[in-house]
N, C-alpha and C. Protein backbone atom coordinates (compact mmCIF):
# COMPACT_ATOMS: atom_id res chain seq x y z
N MET A 1 -12.84 -19.85 -42.48
CA MET A 1 -11.72 -19.13 -41.95
C MET A 1 -11.75 -17.65 -42.37
N SER A 2 -12.15 -17.42 -43.65
CA SER A 2 -12.23 -16.01 -44.12
C SER A 2 -13.36 -15.22 -43.48
N SER A 3 -14.44 -15.89 -42.99
CA SER A 3 -15.45 -15.13 -42.27
C SER A 3 -14.96 -14.73 -40.91
N GLN A 4 -14.11 -15.56 -40.26
CA GLN A 4 -13.56 -15.19 -38.97
C GLN A 4 -12.58 -13.99 -39.14
N THR A 5 -11.87 -13.98 -40.20
CA THR A 5 -10.86 -12.85 -40.49
C THR A 5 -11.73 -11.57 -40.74
N GLY A 6 -12.84 -11.76 -41.44
CA GLY A 6 -13.67 -10.56 -41.64
C GLY A 6 -14.26 -9.98 -40.42
N ILE A 7 -14.66 -10.89 -39.52
CA ILE A 7 -15.28 -10.46 -38.21
C ILE A 7 -14.10 -9.68 -37.42
N LEU A 8 -12.91 -10.30 -37.39
CA LEU A 8 -11.77 -9.62 -36.67
C LEU A 8 -11.51 -8.27 -37.17
N ARG A 9 -11.47 -8.18 -38.51
CA ARG A 9 -11.25 -6.85 -39.20
C ARG A 9 -12.30 -5.88 -38.78
N LYS A 10 -13.56 -6.30 -38.79
CA LYS A 10 -14.64 -5.41 -38.47
C LYS A 10 -14.53 -4.93 -36.99
N ILE A 11 -14.20 -5.85 -36.13
CA ILE A 11 -14.02 -5.48 -34.69
C ILE A 11 -12.81 -4.54 -34.60
N GLY A 12 -11.77 -4.87 -35.19
CA GLY A 12 -10.56 -4.02 -35.17
C GLY A 12 -10.76 -2.57 -35.69
N ALA A 13 -11.68 -2.50 -36.67
CA ALA A 13 -11.99 -1.18 -37.18
C ALA A 13 -12.64 -0.25 -36.20
N ASN A 14 -13.33 -0.78 -35.20
CA ASN A 14 -14.08 0.01 -34.30
C ASN A 14 -13.26 0.33 -32.96
N PHE A 15 -12.10 -0.27 -32.82
CA PHE A 15 -11.25 -0.02 -31.72
C PHE A 15 -9.86 0.34 -32.13
N SER A 16 -9.37 1.48 -31.61
CA SER A 16 -8.08 1.88 -32.04
C SER A 16 -6.92 1.44 -31.09
N SER A 17 -7.38 0.95 -29.91
CA SER A 17 -6.41 0.44 -28.89
C SER A 17 -7.07 -0.58 -27.96
N LEU A 18 -6.22 -1.11 -27.19
CA LEU A 18 -6.74 -2.01 -26.09
C LEU A 18 -7.55 -1.27 -25.14
N GLU A 19 -7.26 0.06 -24.91
CA GLU A 19 -8.00 0.89 -23.97
C GLU A 19 -9.43 1.01 -24.47
N ASP A 20 -9.61 1.11 -25.82
CA ASP A 20 -10.95 1.15 -26.34
C ASP A 20 -11.80 -0.11 -26.09
N VAL A 21 -11.09 -1.24 -26.27
CA VAL A 21 -11.74 -2.57 -25.98
C VAL A 21 -12.10 -2.64 -24.49
N TRP A 22 -11.19 -2.20 -23.66
CA TRP A 22 -11.46 -2.23 -22.20
C TRP A 22 -12.64 -1.40 -21.87
N LEU A 23 -12.72 -0.16 -22.40
CA LEU A 23 -13.82 0.81 -22.17
C LEU A 23 -15.13 0.20 -22.65
N PHE A 24 -15.10 -0.33 -23.87
CA PHE A 24 -16.32 -1.00 -24.40
C PHE A 24 -16.80 -2.09 -23.46
N SER A 25 -15.86 -2.93 -22.98
CA SER A 25 -16.22 -4.03 -22.05
C SER A 25 -16.86 -3.60 -20.79
N GLN A 26 -16.23 -2.43 -20.29
CA GLN A 26 -16.81 -1.92 -19.00
C GLN A 26 -18.21 -1.34 -19.18
N ILE A 27 -18.45 -0.69 -20.33
CA ILE A 27 -19.77 -0.17 -20.62
C ILE A 27 -20.77 -1.32 -20.82
N PHE A 28 -20.35 -2.29 -21.51
CA PHE A 28 -21.17 -3.47 -21.71
C PHE A 28 -21.57 -4.12 -20.42
N LEU A 29 -20.61 -4.18 -19.48
CA LEU A 29 -20.90 -4.80 -18.17
C LEU A 29 -21.87 -3.93 -17.37
N LEU A 30 -21.66 -2.64 -17.36
CA LEU A 30 -22.57 -1.82 -16.60
C LEU A 30 -24.04 -1.78 -17.19
N VAL A 31 -24.12 -1.81 -18.54
CA VAL A 31 -25.44 -1.88 -19.17
C VAL A 31 -26.09 -3.19 -18.74
N THR A 32 -25.31 -4.28 -18.61
CA THR A 32 -25.86 -5.60 -18.29
C THR A 32 -26.35 -5.66 -16.81
N ILE A 33 -25.65 -5.02 -15.86
CA ILE A 33 -26.07 -5.17 -14.49
C ILE A 33 -26.96 -3.96 -14.00
N LEU A 34 -27.02 -2.86 -14.84
CA LEU A 34 -27.81 -1.76 -14.46
C LEU A 34 -29.31 -2.05 -14.11
N PRO A 35 -30.04 -2.94 -14.90
CA PRO A 35 -31.39 -3.25 -14.50
C PRO A 35 -31.53 -3.78 -13.08
N ILE A 36 -30.53 -4.62 -12.66
CA ILE A 36 -30.59 -5.24 -11.31
C ILE A 36 -30.35 -4.09 -10.37
N MET A 37 -29.39 -3.31 -10.61
CA MET A 37 -29.11 -2.16 -9.73
C MET A 37 -30.30 -1.21 -9.53
N LEU A 38 -31.05 -0.98 -10.62
CA LEU A 38 -32.24 -0.14 -10.56
C LEU A 38 -33.32 -0.78 -9.74
N LYS A 39 -33.39 -2.09 -9.76
CA LYS A 39 -34.46 -2.69 -8.87
C LYS A 39 -34.07 -2.74 -7.41
N LEU A 40 -32.76 -2.83 -7.11
CA LEU A 40 -32.36 -3.04 -5.71
C LEU A 40 -31.99 -1.75 -5.00
N LEU A 41 -31.66 -0.69 -5.71
CA LEU A 41 -31.16 0.55 -5.08
C LEU A 41 -32.13 1.71 -5.39
N SER A 42 -32.31 2.63 -4.34
CA SER A 42 -33.02 3.82 -4.67
C SER A 42 -32.12 4.69 -5.57
N ILE A 43 -32.74 5.68 -6.17
CA ILE A 43 -31.99 6.59 -7.13
C ILE A 43 -30.88 7.29 -6.39
N PRO A 44 -31.16 7.95 -5.21
CA PRO A 44 -29.98 8.55 -4.55
C PRO A 44 -28.84 7.63 -4.17
N ARG A 45 -29.12 6.38 -3.83
CA ARG A 45 -28.14 5.34 -3.43
C ARG A 45 -27.39 4.98 -4.76
N LEU A 46 -28.20 4.74 -5.77
CA LEU A 46 -27.59 4.36 -7.02
C LEU A 46 -26.58 5.44 -7.60
N MET A 47 -26.98 6.62 -7.44
CA MET A 47 -26.13 7.76 -7.85
C MET A 47 -24.83 7.77 -7.06
N LYS A 48 -24.87 7.49 -5.78
CA LYS A 48 -23.65 7.38 -5.04
C LYS A 48 -22.76 6.31 -5.51
N VAL A 49 -23.35 5.18 -5.89
CA VAL A 49 -22.64 3.99 -6.35
C VAL A 49 -22.01 4.31 -7.71
N LEU A 50 -22.68 5.02 -8.59
CA LEU A 50 -22.27 5.30 -9.96
C LEU A 50 -21.25 6.45 -9.99
N THR A 51 -21.22 7.23 -8.91
CA THR A 51 -20.31 8.41 -8.94
C THR A 51 -18.93 8.07 -8.52
N PRO A 52 -17.87 8.25 -9.34
CA PRO A 52 -16.52 7.88 -8.90
C PRO A 52 -16.08 8.68 -7.73
N ARG A 53 -15.23 8.05 -6.94
CA ARG A 53 -14.81 8.74 -5.70
C ARG A 53 -13.85 9.91 -6.03
N ASP A 54 -13.10 9.68 -7.16
CA ASP A 54 -12.20 10.73 -7.61
C ASP A 54 -13.00 11.98 -8.18
N GLY A 55 -13.00 13.08 -7.51
CA GLY A 55 -13.85 14.20 -7.90
C GLY A 55 -13.25 15.14 -9.00
N ARG A 56 -12.17 14.63 -9.72
CA ARG A 56 -11.46 15.55 -10.60
C ARG A 56 -12.48 15.82 -11.80
N VAL A 57 -12.48 17.03 -12.26
CA VAL A 57 -13.21 17.40 -13.45
C VAL A 57 -12.28 18.36 -14.23
N GLY A 58 -12.58 18.42 -15.50
CA GLY A 58 -11.82 19.26 -16.46
C GLY A 58 -11.71 18.47 -17.74
N GLU A 59 -11.31 19.18 -18.76
CA GLU A 59 -11.23 18.42 -20.14
C GLU A 59 -9.91 18.70 -20.77
N SER A 60 -9.41 17.57 -21.32
CA SER A 60 -8.11 17.61 -22.06
C SER A 60 -8.46 17.00 -23.36
N LEU A 61 -7.44 17.01 -24.30
CA LEU A 61 -7.65 16.38 -25.61
C LEU A 61 -7.94 14.91 -25.43
N HIS A 62 -7.24 14.17 -24.54
CA HIS A 62 -7.49 12.78 -24.32
C HIS A 62 -8.87 12.58 -23.82
N ARG A 63 -9.35 13.43 -22.93
CA ARG A 63 -10.69 13.28 -22.46
C ARG A 63 -11.72 13.50 -23.43
N ARG A 64 -11.47 14.42 -24.43
CA ARG A 64 -12.40 14.63 -25.51
C ARG A 64 -12.57 13.37 -26.31
N LYS A 65 -11.40 12.70 -26.64
CA LYS A 65 -11.49 11.48 -27.39
C LYS A 65 -12.20 10.39 -26.62
N THR A 66 -11.89 10.26 -25.35
CA THR A 66 -12.60 9.33 -24.42
C THR A 66 -14.08 9.65 -24.38
N LYS A 67 -14.46 10.91 -24.36
CA LYS A 67 -15.80 11.32 -24.23
C LYS A 67 -16.55 10.85 -25.52
N ASP A 68 -16.01 11.07 -26.64
CA ASP A 68 -16.51 10.63 -27.87
C ASP A 68 -16.75 9.09 -27.93
N ASN A 69 -15.74 8.37 -27.46
CA ASN A 69 -15.84 6.93 -27.41
C ASN A 69 -16.85 6.44 -26.43
N ILE A 70 -16.96 7.07 -25.30
CA ILE A 70 -18.05 6.66 -24.32
C ILE A 70 -19.41 6.84 -24.90
N VAL A 71 -19.71 7.95 -25.56
CA VAL A 71 -20.94 8.17 -26.11
C VAL A 71 -21.22 7.19 -27.32
N ARG A 72 -20.20 6.96 -28.13
CA ARG A 72 -20.30 6.07 -29.24
C ARG A 72 -20.57 4.61 -28.85
N PHE A 73 -19.69 4.15 -27.88
CA PHE A 73 -19.94 2.74 -27.45
C PHE A 73 -21.27 2.58 -26.72
N THR A 74 -21.66 3.55 -25.87
CA THR A 74 -22.93 3.35 -25.15
C THR A 74 -24.07 3.33 -26.17
N ASP A 75 -24.12 4.29 -27.13
CA ASP A 75 -25.14 4.23 -28.12
C ASP A 75 -25.11 3.00 -28.95
N TYR A 76 -23.96 2.41 -29.19
CA TYR A 76 -23.84 1.24 -30.01
C TYR A 76 -24.48 0.04 -29.26
N ILE A 77 -24.16 -0.08 -27.97
CA ILE A 77 -24.64 -1.19 -27.13
C ILE A 77 -26.10 -1.08 -26.89
N LEU A 78 -26.59 0.06 -26.58
CA LEU A 78 -28.03 0.32 -26.30
C LEU A 78 -28.84 0.31 -27.60
N GLY A 79 -28.20 0.54 -28.70
CA GLY A 79 -28.89 0.58 -29.97
C GLY A 79 -29.20 -0.80 -30.56
N ARG A 80 -28.75 -1.81 -29.84
CA ARG A 80 -29.02 -3.18 -30.39
C ARG A 80 -30.52 -3.54 -30.26
N ASN A 81 -31.19 -2.86 -29.33
CA ASN A 81 -32.66 -3.13 -29.06
C ASN A 81 -33.01 -4.60 -28.91
N PHE A 82 -32.19 -5.20 -28.11
CA PHE A 82 -32.42 -6.65 -27.80
C PHE A 82 -32.31 -6.86 -26.34
N TRP A 83 -33.30 -7.48 -25.74
CA TRP A 83 -33.34 -7.91 -24.36
C TRP A 83 -33.07 -6.70 -23.48
N ILE A 84 -32.02 -6.71 -22.57
CA ILE A 84 -31.77 -5.59 -21.73
C ILE A 84 -30.94 -4.50 -22.37
N TYR A 85 -30.59 -4.69 -23.60
CA TYR A 85 -29.74 -3.76 -24.33
C TYR A 85 -30.60 -2.84 -25.21
N LYS A 86 -31.64 -2.39 -24.63
CA LYS A 86 -32.61 -1.43 -25.29
C LYS A 86 -32.32 -0.06 -24.75
N SER A 87 -32.27 0.89 -25.64
CA SER A 87 -32.02 2.24 -25.25
C SER A 87 -33.21 2.87 -24.58
N THR A 88 -33.06 3.35 -23.33
CA THR A 88 -33.96 4.23 -22.71
C THR A 88 -33.14 5.43 -22.20
N CYS A 89 -33.88 6.56 -22.06
CA CYS A 89 -33.14 7.73 -21.55
C CYS A 89 -32.49 7.49 -20.25
N LEU A 90 -33.15 6.67 -19.35
CA LEU A 90 -32.61 6.44 -18.02
C LEU A 90 -31.28 5.64 -18.14
N LYS A 91 -31.30 4.49 -18.80
CA LYS A 91 -30.10 3.64 -19.01
C LYS A 91 -28.97 4.45 -19.59
N ARG A 92 -29.28 5.16 -20.66
CA ARG A 92 -28.25 5.93 -21.38
C ARG A 92 -27.59 7.01 -20.49
N SER A 93 -28.56 7.72 -19.78
CA SER A 93 -28.10 8.83 -18.95
C SER A 93 -27.14 8.27 -17.79
N LEU A 94 -27.55 7.19 -17.17
CA LEU A 94 -26.85 6.66 -16.01
C LEU A 94 -25.47 6.13 -16.49
N VAL A 95 -25.41 5.42 -17.62
CA VAL A 95 -24.16 4.88 -18.09
C VAL A 95 -23.25 5.98 -18.47
N LEU A 96 -23.79 6.95 -19.31
CA LEU A 96 -22.94 8.07 -19.67
C LEU A 96 -22.41 8.85 -18.49
N TYR A 97 -23.27 9.07 -17.50
CA TYR A 97 -22.94 9.80 -16.26
C TYR A 97 -21.72 9.13 -15.66
N HIS A 98 -21.84 7.77 -15.42
CA HIS A 98 -20.73 7.10 -14.69
C HIS A 98 -19.42 7.18 -15.43
N PHE A 99 -19.44 6.95 -16.77
CA PHE A 99 -18.23 6.88 -17.50
C PHE A 99 -17.64 8.32 -17.78
N LEU A 100 -18.43 9.18 -18.04
CA LEU A 100 -18.00 10.60 -18.25
C LEU A 100 -17.38 11.13 -17.00
N ARG A 101 -18.07 10.92 -15.83
CA ARG A 101 -17.56 11.35 -14.56
C ARG A 101 -16.23 10.67 -14.28
N SER A 102 -16.13 9.42 -14.51
CA SER A 102 -14.93 8.66 -14.33
C SER A 102 -13.75 9.10 -15.19
N SER A 103 -14.11 9.77 -16.31
CA SER A 103 -13.11 10.35 -17.16
C SER A 103 -12.73 11.86 -16.76
N GLY A 104 -13.41 12.34 -15.77
CA GLY A 104 -13.09 13.68 -15.27
C GLY A 104 -13.97 14.74 -15.92
N ILE A 105 -15.01 14.31 -16.60
CA ILE A 105 -15.91 15.26 -17.21
C ILE A 105 -17.07 15.52 -16.36
N GLY A 106 -17.28 16.74 -15.89
CA GLY A 106 -18.24 17.10 -14.85
C GLY A 106 -19.63 17.23 -15.32
N VAL A 107 -20.19 16.02 -15.65
CA VAL A 107 -21.66 16.06 -16.06
C VAL A 107 -22.55 15.87 -14.84
N HIS A 108 -23.76 16.20 -14.96
CA HIS A 108 -24.78 16.03 -13.91
C HIS A 108 -25.91 15.27 -14.55
N VAL A 109 -26.52 14.27 -13.88
CA VAL A 109 -27.67 13.56 -14.43
C VAL A 109 -28.86 14.18 -13.78
N CYS A 110 -29.89 14.48 -14.67
CA CYS A 110 -31.06 15.14 -14.24
C CYS A 110 -32.29 14.17 -14.65
N PHE A 111 -33.30 14.31 -13.76
CA PHE A 111 -34.51 13.58 -14.00
C PHE A 111 -35.70 14.64 -13.92
N GLY A 112 -36.61 14.43 -14.85
CA GLY A 112 -37.77 15.39 -14.88
C GLY A 112 -39.02 14.68 -15.26
N VAL A 113 -40.13 15.39 -15.13
CA VAL A 113 -41.43 14.89 -15.49
C VAL A 113 -42.29 15.97 -16.16
N ARG A 114 -43.27 15.50 -16.92
CA ARG A 114 -44.20 16.36 -17.53
C ARG A 114 -45.50 15.66 -17.70
N TYR A 115 -46.52 16.41 -17.98
CA TYR A 115 -47.82 15.70 -18.19
C TYR A 115 -47.92 15.30 -19.68
N LYS A 116 -48.40 14.12 -19.91
CA LYS A 116 -48.68 13.67 -21.23
C LYS A 116 -50.14 13.60 -21.48
N GLU A 117 -50.65 14.33 -22.37
CA GLU A 117 -52.06 14.31 -22.65
C GLU A 117 -52.42 12.98 -23.26
N GLN A 118 -53.53 12.43 -22.80
CA GLN A 118 -54.00 11.13 -23.36
C GLN A 118 -55.10 11.54 -24.35
N LEU A 119 -55.00 10.98 -25.56
CA LEU A 119 -55.97 11.33 -26.62
C LEU A 119 -57.34 10.81 -26.46
N ARG A 120 -57.49 9.65 -25.80
CA ARG A 120 -58.78 9.09 -25.66
C ARG A 120 -59.72 9.78 -24.60
N THR A 121 -59.14 10.23 -23.54
CA THR A 121 -60.04 10.91 -22.57
C THR A 121 -59.42 12.43 -22.40
N LEU A 122 -60.36 13.26 -22.61
CA LEU A 122 -59.78 14.71 -22.65
C LEU A 122 -59.31 15.20 -21.32
N ASP A 123 -59.84 14.84 -20.16
CA ASP A 123 -59.44 15.37 -18.98
C ASP A 123 -58.38 14.56 -18.27
N ALA A 124 -58.05 13.42 -18.72
CA ALA A 124 -57.08 12.53 -18.03
C ALA A 124 -55.66 12.94 -18.45
N LYS A 125 -54.86 13.09 -17.43
CA LYS A 125 -53.44 13.33 -17.69
C LYS A 125 -52.62 12.37 -16.95
N ARG A 126 -51.48 12.01 -17.47
CA ARG A 126 -50.56 11.15 -16.78
C ARG A 126 -49.09 11.70 -16.88
N LEU A 127 -48.35 11.39 -15.89
CA LEU A 127 -46.96 11.85 -15.89
C LEU A 127 -46.02 11.02 -16.75
N GLU A 128 -45.11 11.57 -17.36
CA GLU A 128 -44.09 10.72 -17.97
C GLU A 128 -42.71 11.37 -17.60
N GLY A 129 -41.72 10.55 -17.56
CA GLY A 129 -40.39 10.95 -17.05
C GLY A 129 -39.33 10.93 -18.16
N HIS A 130 -38.28 11.66 -17.91
CA HIS A 130 -37.13 11.76 -18.83
C HIS A 130 -35.83 11.91 -18.00
N ALA A 131 -34.81 11.35 -18.53
CA ALA A 131 -33.47 11.59 -17.84
C ALA A 131 -32.52 12.12 -18.89
N TRP A 132 -31.61 13.06 -18.48
CA TRP A 132 -30.69 13.66 -19.39
C TRP A 132 -29.44 14.08 -18.57
N LEU A 133 -28.44 14.47 -19.32
CA LEU A 133 -27.22 14.98 -18.66
C LEU A 133 -27.11 16.48 -18.92
N LEU A 134 -26.52 17.09 -17.94
CA LEU A 134 -26.07 18.55 -18.09
C LEU A 134 -24.60 18.65 -18.12
N TYR A 135 -23.99 19.38 -18.93
CA TYR A 135 -22.59 19.66 -18.86
C TYR A 135 -22.38 21.19 -19.08
N ASN A 136 -21.80 21.80 -18.15
CA ASN A 136 -21.69 23.22 -18.18
C ASN A 136 -22.94 23.97 -18.36
N GLY A 137 -23.99 23.39 -17.73
CA GLY A 137 -25.33 24.03 -17.76
C GLY A 137 -26.12 23.75 -19.04
N ASN A 138 -25.60 22.95 -19.95
CA ASN A 138 -26.31 22.69 -21.20
C ASN A 138 -26.65 21.15 -21.27
N VAL A 139 -27.72 20.84 -21.91
CA VAL A 139 -28.10 19.40 -22.17
C VAL A 139 -27.02 18.78 -23.01
N PHE A 140 -26.52 17.62 -22.58
CA PHE A 140 -25.46 16.89 -23.31
C PHE A 140 -25.71 15.40 -23.23
N PRO A 141 -25.33 14.67 -24.15
CA PRO A 141 -25.17 14.87 -25.55
C PRO A 141 -26.35 14.59 -26.41
N ASP A 142 -27.57 14.87 -25.82
CA ASP A 142 -28.81 14.59 -26.48
C ASP A 142 -28.82 15.14 -27.94
N LYS A 143 -29.39 14.41 -28.83
CA LYS A 143 -29.55 14.79 -30.20
C LYS A 143 -30.59 15.91 -30.28
N ASN A 144 -31.63 15.92 -29.45
CA ASN A 144 -32.63 16.91 -29.44
C ASN A 144 -32.72 17.54 -28.11
N THR A 145 -31.98 18.58 -27.87
CA THR A 145 -31.94 19.23 -26.54
C THR A 145 -33.30 19.90 -26.12
N GLU A 146 -34.10 20.19 -27.08
CA GLU A 146 -35.40 20.92 -26.82
C GLU A 146 -36.36 19.89 -26.03
N ILE A 147 -36.23 18.67 -26.24
CA ILE A 147 -37.04 17.67 -25.53
C ILE A 147 -36.86 17.82 -23.99
N ALA A 148 -35.62 17.80 -23.57
CA ALA A 148 -35.31 17.92 -22.13
C ALA A 148 -35.88 19.22 -21.50
N LYS A 149 -36.00 20.21 -22.30
CA LYS A 149 -36.50 21.55 -21.80
C LYS A 149 -38.02 21.51 -21.57
N THR A 150 -38.70 20.51 -22.06
CA THR A 150 -40.14 20.40 -21.91
C THR A 150 -40.47 19.68 -20.59
N TYR A 151 -39.53 19.15 -19.94
CA TYR A 151 -39.70 18.47 -18.64
C TYR A 151 -39.34 19.39 -17.41
N LYS A 152 -40.01 19.25 -16.34
CA LYS A 152 -39.74 20.01 -15.12
C LYS A 152 -38.76 19.06 -14.39
N MET A 153 -37.52 19.67 -14.14
CA MET A 153 -36.56 18.86 -13.35
C MET A 153 -36.95 18.69 -11.93
N ILE A 154 -36.93 17.43 -11.48
CA ILE A 154 -37.26 17.17 -10.13
C ILE A 154 -36.07 16.71 -9.28
N TYR A 155 -34.97 16.29 -9.93
CA TYR A 155 -33.90 15.83 -9.25
C TYR A 155 -32.63 15.89 -10.14
N CYS A 156 -31.49 16.32 -9.59
CA CYS A 156 -30.32 16.41 -10.37
C CYS A 156 -29.17 15.96 -9.43
N PHE A 157 -28.21 15.21 -9.96
CA PHE A 157 -27.15 14.69 -9.14
C PHE A 157 -25.81 14.86 -9.86
N PRO A 158 -24.80 15.41 -9.32
CA PRO A 158 -24.77 16.15 -8.11
C PRO A 158 -25.70 17.34 -8.17
N GLU A 159 -26.01 17.90 -7.00
CA GLU A 159 -26.94 19.05 -7.00
C GLU A 159 -26.53 20.09 -8.05
N ILE A 160 -27.64 20.75 -8.57
CA ILE A 160 -27.44 21.62 -9.64
C ILE A 160 -26.55 22.87 -9.23
N ASP A 161 -26.55 23.24 -7.95
CA ASP A 161 -25.73 24.36 -7.52
C ASP A 161 -24.22 24.09 -7.66
N ALA A 162 -23.89 22.77 -7.71
CA ALA A 162 -22.44 22.49 -7.88
C ALA A 162 -21.95 22.74 -9.27
N ILE A 163 -22.81 23.01 -10.24
CA ILE A 163 -22.36 23.22 -11.60
C ILE A 163 -21.43 24.45 -11.63
N ALA A 164 -21.74 25.51 -10.87
CA ALA A 164 -20.94 26.72 -10.90
C ALA A 164 -19.53 26.51 -10.40
N THR A 165 -19.40 25.60 -9.47
CA THR A 165 -18.06 25.31 -8.90
C THR A 165 -17.22 24.45 -9.81
N GLU A 166 -17.86 23.73 -10.80
CA GLU A 166 -17.08 22.83 -11.61
C GLU A 166 -16.68 23.43 -13.02
N LYS A 167 -17.12 24.62 -13.25
CA LYS A 167 -16.75 25.27 -14.58
C LYS A 167 -15.42 25.64 -14.60
């Protein structure tokens, strides 16, 4: 009985309200179904599905707390490194994009490529990809923003020109 109480206390310490529990559950669900969506939908179609219909953007104090929770819950779920709950830049960016946009925070998801030198053969090059978010023209919320700058952006959704209208 005491171990169950300890688990409930631990869970309760991570959520300050039922709204937090609901947000965590929604993020968990999207992370769970995202691999299937990636297999079935093209990236442009997937972006339309993940983009909320309500185009409101702007930031309030409530949105700032929500933004912090979205990032924290997403990183927690993807940080488990188990089965489909492994963190990749693509999953993280798409989940954060959906929930931040749903909260009225005008982020853009960007995809880029760069050449990765192979050590074994000197003239062989292969492409590698990266996904990240832009918020007000800056990489967000990556821990190392310099990494994103080493990739050539090939696609951004919504289009990058829309950033100026959302500030």
